[in-house]
Amino acid sequence: MQNTALFRGFQDFEVQKMLKCLGGKVKNCNTNETIMSYNEAPDYLYVVLAGTAELATYDYDGNKTILERFTPDSVFGDMFFKPSGNDEFTVYATTSCDVLCFNYDNAINQCENACTRHKLFLDNLFRLLSKKLLSQSQHIEILTKRTIRDKLMSYFEHQSAEKGSFSFSLPMSLSSLADFLSIDRSAMQREIKRLNDDGIIISKGKKIVIVRK
């Protein structure tokens, strides 16, 4: 666990001591298993240690919207999102997933054992939170685009910048991508075909190459 960003700079025995102070526990989840519900969750923080997960909701017609995707070192919890109305917002594992959960108050308050590594833990945690805010702002930026083409190209460009290459593989299925961009799946597939026909991208399944912007 000391190899995760949350415990960067820790020795193994320090990690175990920190977990005791946090009252933290690791939850091992299978694919499609619910990790937490924002409608019921207490004041806990969750950090993905391995695997992937998503925060999703469904409308009255059963249409799914993916609000966030979580990969190793992602942070989530009810302090970041307060649902209104009766819609249920659930985080579920999209692969086998290991998640550390702990009470937020235990993290920000000095523990009774006065752990020497508590400050380092908070520094690491705040870095993960900063990364989360950047990811959320990028998602919002993409969703503000008015057309399906603009949403797709904005997402592809973010992926290209993150990978440092014009050629990359999507981190999710095309079906999940439509849910993440909040667009109709069939309409998205047609627009991807047009982007290929116009020579803007070359795509094959999840493999994308940006030819020109």
C-alpha atoms as a PDB file:
ATOM      1  CA  MET A   1       0.000   0.000   0.000  1.00  0.00           C
ATOM      2  CA  GLN A   2       2.971   2.323   0.518  1.00  0.00           C
ATOM      3  CA  ASN A   3       3.330   2.384  -3.276  1.00  0.00           C
ATOM      4  CA  THR A   4       0.126   4.393  -3.630  1.00  0.00           C
ATOM      5  CA  ALA A   5       0.301   8.187  -3.907  1.00  0.00           C
ATOM      6  CA  LEU A   6      -1.606   8.564  -0.639  1.00  0.00           C
ATOM      7  CA  PHE A   7       1.238   6.924   1.281  1.00  0.00           C
ATOM      8  CA  ARG A   8       4.160   8.164  -0.789  1.00  0.00           C
ATOM      9  CA  GLY A   9       7.191   8.524   1.491  1.00  0.00           C
ATOM     10  CA  PHE A  10       5.905   6.002   4.059  1.00  0.00           C
ATOM     11  CA  GLN A  11       7.524   2.807   5.235  1.00  0.00           C
ATOM     12  CA  ASP A  12       5.236  -0.221   5.544  1.00  0.00           C
ATOM     13  CA  PHE A  13       5.073  -0.054   9.340  1.00  0.00           C
ATOM     14  CA  GLU A  14       4.219   3.658   9.099  1.00  0.00           C
ATOM     15  CA  VAL A  15       1.356   2.866   6.744  1.00  0.00           C
ATOM     16  CA  GLN A  16      -0.075   0.366   9.225  1.00  0.00           C
ATOM     17  CA  LYS A  17       0.250   2.874  12.049  1.00  0.00           C
ATOM     18  CA  MET A  18      -1.442   5.558   9.969  1.00  0.00           C
ATOM     19  CA  LEU A  19      -4.308   3.236   9.060  1.00  0.00           C
ATOM     20  CA  LYS A  20      -4.874   2.541  12.743  1.00  0.00           C
ATOM     21  CA  CYS A  21      -5.035   6.264  13.511  1.00  0.00           C
ATOM     22  CA  LEU A  22      -7.441   6.840  10.615  1.00  0.00           C
ATOM     23  CA  GLY A  23      -9.618   3.907  11.533  1.00  0.00           C
ATOM     24  CA  GLY A  24      -9.196   3.010   7.875  1.00  0.00           C
ATOM     25  CA  LYS A  25     -10.184  -0.232   6.227  1.00  0.00           C
ATOM     26  CA  VAL A  26      -9.743  -1.663   2.749  1.00  0.00           C
ATOM     27  CA  LYS A  27     -12.835  -2.777   0.858  1.00  0.00           C
ATOM     28  CA  ASN A  28     -12.338  -5.412  -1.843  1.00  0.00           C
ATOM     29  CA  CYS A  29     -15.055  -5.152  -4.496  1.00  0.00           C
ATOM     30  CA  ASN A  30     -15.973  -7.320  -7.458  1.00  0.00           C
ATOM     31  CA  THR A  31     -16.944  -5.949 -10.875  1.00  0.00           C
ATOM     32  CA  ASN A  32     -20.356  -4.179 -10.761  1.00  0.00           C
ATOM     33  CA  GLU A  33     -20.431  -4.277  -6.963  1.00  0.00           C
ATOM     34  CA  THR A  34     -21.649  -1.121  -5.241  1.00  0.00           C
ATOM     35  CA  ILE A  35     -18.909   0.628  -3.275  1.00  0.00           C
ATOM     36  CA  MET A  36     -21.009   3.412  -1.769  1.00  0.00           C
ATOM     37  CA  SER A  37     -24.187   5.414  -2.297  1.00  0.00           C
ATOM     38  CA  TYR A  38     -24.179   9.182  -1.965  1.00  0.00           C
ATOM     39  CA  ASN A  39     -27.740   8.986  -0.669  1.00  0.00           C
ATOM     40  CA  GLU A  40     -26.654   6.999   2.376  1.00  0.00           C
ATOM     41  CA  ALA A  41     -22.936   7.596   2.893  1.00  0.00           C
ATOM     42  CA  PRO A  42     -21.571   9.020   6.155  1.00  0.00           C
ATOM     43  CA  ASP A  43     -18.638  11.452   6.282  1.00  0.00           C
ATOM     44  CA  TYR A  44     -16.126   9.055   4.790  1.00  0.00           C
ATOM     45  CA  LEU A  45     -13.400   9.517   2.210  1.00  0.00           C
ATOM     46  CA  TYR A  46     -12.628   6.758  -0.275  1.00  0.00           C
ATOM     47  CA  VAL A  47      -9.354   6.305  -2.150  1.00  0.00           C
ATOM     48  CA  VAL A  48      -9.016   3.811  -4.987  1.00  0.00           C
ATOM     49  CA  LEU A  49      -5.961   1.619  -4.436  1.00  0.00           C
ATOM     50  CA  ALA A  50      -6.420  -0.662  -7.446  1.00  0.00           C
ATOM     51  CA  GLY A  51      -8.950  -1.115 -10.220  1.00  0.00           C
ATOM     52  CA  THR A  52     -11.520   1.327 -11.573  1.00  0.00           C
ATOM     53  CA  ALA A  53     -14.934   2.604 -10.529  1.00  0.00           C
ATOM     54  CA  GLU A  54     -17.597   5.070 -11.641  1.00  0.00           C
ATOM     55  CA  LEU A  55     -20.092   7.445 -10.089  1.00  0.00           C
ATOM     56  CA  ALA A  56     -23.333   7.025 -12.033  1.00  0.00           C
ATOM     57  CA  THR A  57     -27.027   7.799 -11.898  1.00  0.00           C
ATOM     58  CA  TYR A  58     -30.098   6.907 -13.961  1.00  0.00           C
ATOM     59  CA  ASP A  59     -32.987   9.132 -15.043  1.00  0.00           C
ATOM     60  CA  TYR A  60     -36.664   8.169 -15.116  1.00  0.00           C
ATOM     61  CA  ASP A  61     -36.267   6.570 -18.550  1.00  0.00           C
ATOM     62  CA  GLY A  62     -33.370   4.424 -17.400  1.00  0.00           C
ATOM     63  CA  ASN A  63     -30.714   6.454 -19.199  1.00  0.00           C
ATOM     64  CA  LYS A  64     -27.368   6.262 -17.467  1.00  0.00           C
ATOM     65  CA  THR A  65     -25.074   9.204 -16.834  1.00  0.00           C
ATOM     66  CA  ILE A  66     -21.490   8.743 -15.657  1.00  0.00           C
ATOM     67  CA  LEU A  67     -20.555  11.742 -13.530  1.00  0.00           C
ATOM     68  CA  GLU A  68     -17.017  10.662 -12.622  1.00  0.00           C
ATOM     69  CA  ARG A  69     -14.564   7.887 -13.365  1.00  0.00           C
ATOM     70  CA  PHE A  70     -12.169   6.709 -10.681  1.00  0.00           C
ATOM     71  CA  THR A  71      -8.781   5.108 -11.256  1.00  0.00           C
ATOM     72  CA  PRO A  72      -5.992   4.305  -8.757  1.00  0.00           C
ATOM     73  CA  ASP A  73      -5.367   7.278  -6.422  1.00  0.00           C
ATOM     74  CA  SER A  74      -8.784   8.818  -7.172  1.00  0.00           C
ATOM     75  CA  VAL A  75     -10.644  10.254  -4.176  1.00  0.00           C
ATOM     76  CA  PHE A  76     -14.397  10.375  -3.656  1.00  0.00           C
ATOM     77  CA  GLY A  77     -16.919  10.729  -0.856  1.00  0.00           C
ATOM     78  CA  ASP A  78     -20.072  12.540   0.166  1.00  0.00           C
ATOM     79  CA  MET A  79     -18.164  15.728   1.013  1.00  0.00           C
ATOM     80  CA  PHE A  80     -17.671  16.269  -2.742  1.00  0.00           C
ATOM     81  CA  PHE A  81     -21.234  15.752  -3.869  1.00  0.00           C
ATOM     82  CA  LYS A  82     -24.590  16.338  -2.186  1.00  0.00           C
ATOM     83  CA  PRO A  83     -27.454  14.899  -4.271  1.00  0.00           C
ATOM     84  CA  SER A  84     -30.818  16.604  -4.286  1.00  0.00           C
ATOM     85  CA  GLY A  85     -34.153  15.019  -5.087  1.00  0.00           C
ATOM     86  CA  ASN A  86     -34.814  11.297  -5.183  1.00  0.00           C
ATOM     87  CA  ASP A  87     -32.264  10.234  -7.794  1.00  0.00           C
ATOM     88  CA  GLU A  88     -29.741   7.727  -6.511  1.00  0.00           C
ATOM     89  CA  PHE A  89     -26.056   8.378  -7.110  1.00  0.00           C
ATOM     90  CA  THR A  90     -23.931   5.269  -6.732  1.00  0.00           C
ATOM     91  CA  VAL A  91     -20.253   4.456  -7.009  1.00  0.00           C
ATOM     92  CA  TYR A  92     -19.737   0.960  -8.349  1.00  0.00           C
ATOM     93  CA  ALA A  93     -16.685  -1.040  -9.373  1.00  0.00           C
ATOM     94  CA  THR A  94     -16.152  -1.367 -13.120  1.00  0.00           C
ATOM     95  CA  THR A  95     -13.342  -3.876 -12.517  1.00  0.00           C
ATOM     96  CA  SER A  96     -12.167  -5.743  -9.433  1.00  0.00           C
ATOM     97  CA  CYS A  97     -11.426  -2.845  -7.135  1.00  0.00           C
ATOM     98  CA  ASP A  98      -9.634  -2.213  -3.811  1.00  0.00           C
ATOM     99  CA  VAL A  99     -10.749   0.928  -1.995  1.00  0.00           C
ATOM    100  CA  LEU A 100      -9.470   2.446   1.248  1.00  0.00           C
ATOM    101  CA  CYS A 101     -12.144   4.208   3.295  1.00  0.00           C
ATOM    102  CA  PHE A 102     -11.687   6.318   6.416  1.00  0.00           C
ATOM    103  CA  ASN A 103     -13.486   9.022   8.360  1.00  0.00           C
ATOM    104  CA  TYR A 104     -12.686  12.535   7.162  1.00  0.00           C
ATOM    105  CA  ASP A 105     -12.434  13.930  10.708  1.00  0.00           C
ATOM    106  CA  ASN A 106      -9.783  11.348  11.566  1.00  0.00           C
ATOM    107  CA  ALA A 107      -7.727  12.553   8.624  1.00  0.00           C
ATOM    108  CA  ILE A 108      -7.791  16.304   9.249  1.00  0.00           C
ATOM    109  CA  ASN A 109      -7.508  16.223  13.051  1.00  0.00           C
ATOM    110  CA  GLN A 110      -4.256  15.493  14.849  1.00  0.00           C
ATOM    111  CA  CYS A 111      -4.516  11.949  16.168  1.00  0.00           C
ATOM    112  CA  GLU A 112      -4.011  11.231  19.849  1.00  0.00           C
ATOM    113  CA  ASN A 113      -0.813   9.346  19.051  1.00  0.00           C
ATOM    114  CA  ALA A 114       0.662  12.477  17.417  1.00  0.00           C
ATOM    115  CA  CYS A 115       1.896  10.520  14.411  1.00  0.00           C
ATOM    116  CA  THR A 116       5.010  12.021  12.902  1.00  0.00           C
ATOM    117  CA  ARG A 117       3.726  11.096   9.436  1.00  0.00           C
ATOM    118  CA  HIS A 118       0.307  12.702   9.779  1.00  0.00           C
ATOM    119  CA  LYS A 119       1.420  15.918   8.041  1.00  0.00           C
ATOM    120  CA  LEU A 120       2.937  13.956   5.155  1.00  0.00           C
ATOM    121  CA  PHE A 121      -0.313  12.023   4.836  1.00  0.00           C
ATOM    122  CA  LEU A 122      -2.290  15.284   4.615  1.00  0.00           C
ATOM    123  CA  ASP A 123       0.137  16.687   2.035  1.00  0.00           C
ATOM    124  CA  ASN A 124      -0.365  13.567  -0.086  1.00  0.00           C
ATOM    125  CA  LEU A 125      -4.130  13.694   0.374  1.00  0.00           C
ATOM    126  CA  PHE A 126      -4.350  17.336  -0.694  1.00  0.00           C
ATOM    127  CA  ARG A 127      -2.354  16.551  -3.841  1.00  0.00           C
ATOM    128  CA  LEU A 128      -4.906  13.867  -4.705  1.00  0.00           C
ATOM    129  CA  LEU A 129      -7.735  16.326  -4.045  1.00  0.00           C
ATOM    130  CA  SER A 130      -6.094  18.874  -6.364  1.00  0.00           C
ATOM    131  CA  LYS A 131      -5.886  16.218  -9.064  1.00  0.00           C
ATOM    132  CA  LYS A 132      -9.570  15.433  -8.528  1.00  0.00           C
ATOM    133  CA  LEU A 133     -10.579  19.088  -8.926  1.00  0.00           C
ATOM    134  CA  LEU A 134      -8.618  19.306 -12.189  1.00  0.00           C
ATOM    135  CA  SER A 135     -10.340  16.191 -13.510  1.00  0.00           C
ATOM    136  CA  GLN A 136     -13.763  17.562 -12.575  1.00  0.00           C
ATOM    137  CA  SER A 137     -13.072  20.916 -14.232  1.00  0.00           C
ATOM    138  CA  GLN A 138     -11.983  19.153 -17.422  1.00  0.00           C
ATOM    139  CA  HIS A 139     -15.179  17.103 -17.449  1.00  0.00           C
ATOM    140  CA  ILE A 140     -17.278  20.241 -16.977  1.00  0.00           C
ATOM    141  CA  GLU A 141     -15.372  21.957 -19.795  1.00  0.00           C
ATOM    142  CA  ILE A 142     -16.148  19.049 -22.134  1.00  0.00           C
ATOM    143  CA  LEU A 143     -19.835  18.973 -21.191  1.00  0.00           C
ATOM    144  CA  THR A 144     -20.211  22.693 -21.966  1.00  0.00           C
ATOM    145  CA  LYS A 145     -19.451  22.045 -25.633  1.00  0.00           C
ATOM    146  CA  ARG A 146     -22.600  22.486 -27.705  1.00  0.00           C
ATOM    147  CA  THR A 147     -22.235  19.738 -30.304  1.00  0.00           C
ATOM    148  CA  ILE A 148     -21.443  16.035 -30.147  1.00  0.00           C
ATOM    149  CA  ARG A 149     -18.415  16.614 -32.380  1.00  0.00           C
ATOM    150  CA  ASP A 150     -17.057  19.334 -30.111  1.00  0.00           C
ATOM    151  CA  LYS A 151     -17.572  17.149 -27.019  1.00  0.00           C
ATOM    152  CA  LEU A 152     -15.800  14.221 -28.647  1.00  0.00           C
ATOM    153  CA  MET A 153     -12.877  16.272 -29.906  1.00  0.00           C
ATOM    154  CA  SER A 154     -12.474  18.047 -26.567  1.00  0.00           C
ATOM    155  CA  TYR A 155     -12.378  14.676 -24.805  1.00  0.00           C
ATOM    156  CA  PHE A 156      -9.959  13.212 -27.359  1.00  0.00           C
ATOM    157  CA  GLU A 157      -7.660  16.224 -27.017  1.00  0.00           C
ATOM    158  CA  HIS A 158      -7.590  15.884 -23.231  1.00  0.00           C
ATOM    159  CA  GLN A 159      -6.710  12.202 -23.602  1.00  0.00           C
ATOM    160  CA  SER A 160      -4.013  13.041 -26.137  1.00  0.00           C
ATOM    161  CA  ALA A 161      -2.473  15.632 -23.807  1.00  0.00           C
ATOM    162  CA  GLU A 162      -2.606  13.227 -20.865  1.00  0.00           C
ATOM    163  CA  LYS A 163      -0.935  10.423 -22.842  1.00  0.00           C
ATOM    164  CA  GLY A 164       1.515  12.775 -24.587  1.00  0.00           C
ATOM    165  CA  SER A 165       0.626  11.320 -27.976  1.00  0.00           C
ATOM    166  CA  PHE A 166      -1.883  11.823 -30.792  1.00  0.00           C
ATOM    167  CA  SER A 167      -2.409   8.056 -30.696  1.00  0.00           C
ATOM    168  CA  PHE A 168      -4.056   6.572 -27.601  1.00  0.00           C
ATOM    169  CA  SER A 169      -6.586   4.036 -26.356  1.00  0.00           C
ATOM    170  CA  LEU A 170      -9.768   5.155 -24.668  1.00  0.00           C
ATOM    171  CA  PRO A 171      -9.863   4.280 -20.942  1.00  0.00           C
ATOM    172  CA  MET A 172     -13.495   3.143 -21.261  1.00  0.00           C
ATOM    173  CA  SER A 173     -15.825   1.459 -23.711  1.00  0.00           C
ATOM    174  CA  LEU A 174     -17.607   3.526 -26.367  1.00  0.00           C
ATOM    175  CA  SER A 175     -20.871   2.842 -24.574  1.00  0.00           C
ATOM    176  CA  SER A 176     -19.451   4.255 -21.332  1.00  0.00           C
ATOM    177  CA  LEU A 177     -17.976   7.190 -23.233  1.00  0.00           C
ATOM    178  CA  ALA A 178     -21.466   8.168 -24.427  1.00  0.00           C
ATOM    179  CA  ASP A 179     -22.709   8.004 -20.831  1.00  0.00           C
ATOM    180  CA  PHE A 180     -19.714  10.060 -19.661  1.00  0.00           C
ATOM    181  CA  LEU A 181     -20.311  12.741 -22.299  1.00  0.00           C
ATOM    182  CA  SER A 182     -24.091  12.615 -21.720  1.00  0.00           C
ATOM    183  CA  ILE A 183     -24.904  12.057 -25.394  1.00  0.00           C
ATOM    184  CA  ASP A 184     -26.945   9.529 -27.345  1.00  0.00           C
ATOM    185  CA  ARG A 185     -24.872   6.449 -28.136  1.00  0.00           C
ATOM    186  CA  SER A 186     -26.100   6.013 -31.716  1.00  0.00           C
ATOM    187  CA  ALA A 187     -25.596   9.702 -32.461  1.00  0.00           C
ATOM    188  CA  MET A 188     -22.074   9.483 -31.033  1.00  0.00           C
ATOM    189  CA  GLN A 189     -21.234   6.492 -33.226  1.00  0.00           C
ATOM    190  CA  ARG A 190     -22.453   8.390 -36.308  1.00  0.00           C
ATOM    191  CA  GLU A 191     -20.335  11.422 -35.391  1.00  0.00           C
ATOM    192  CA  ILE A 192     -17.236   9.273 -34.864  1.00  0.00           C
ATOM    193  CA  LYS A 193     -17.800   7.868 -38.366  1.00  0.00           C
ATOM    194  CA  ARG A 194     -18.043  11.422 -39.759  1.00  0.00           C
ATOM    195  CA  LEU A 195     -14.816  12.391 -37.978  1.00  0.00           C
ATOM    196  CA  ASN A 196     -13.140   9.439 -39.667  1.00  0.00           C
ATOM    197  CA  ASP A 197     -14.652  10.309 -43.065  1.00  0.00           C
ATOM    198  CA  ASP A 198     -13.507  13.936 -42.692  1.00  0.00           C
ATOM    199  CA  GLY A 199      -9.958  12.800 -41.966  1.00  0.00           C
ATOM    200  CA  ILE A 200      -9.897  14.348 -38.488  1.00  0.00           C
ATOM    201  CA  ILE A 201      -9.377  11.096 -36.623  1.00  0.00           C
ATOM    202  CA  ILE A 202      -8.682   7.464 -37.363  1.00  0.00           C
ATOM    203  CA  SER A 203     -10.490   5.147 -35.005  1.00  0.00           C
ATOM    204  CA  LYS A 204     -10.805   1.411 -34.579  1.00  0.00           C
ATOM    205  CA  GLY A 205     -12.746   0.380 -31.508  1.00  0.00           C
ATOM    206  CA  LYS A 206     -11.144   2.091 -28.522  1.00  0.00           C
ATOM    207  CA  LYS A 207      -8.011   3.034 -30.474  1.00  0.00           C
ATOM    208  CA  ILE A 208      -7.977   6.725 -31.521  1.00  0.00           C
ATOM    209  CA  VAL A 209      -5.492   8.666 -33.617  1.00  0.00           C
ATOM    210  CA  ILE A 210      -5.949  12.418 -33.998  1.00  0.00           C
ATOM    211  CA  VAL A 211      -4.898  13.285 -37.549  1.00  0.00           C
ATOM    212  CA  ARG A 212      -5.745  16.970 -37.525  1.00  0.00           C
ATOM    213  CA  LYS A 213      -7.641  19.401 -35.328  1.00  0.00           C
END
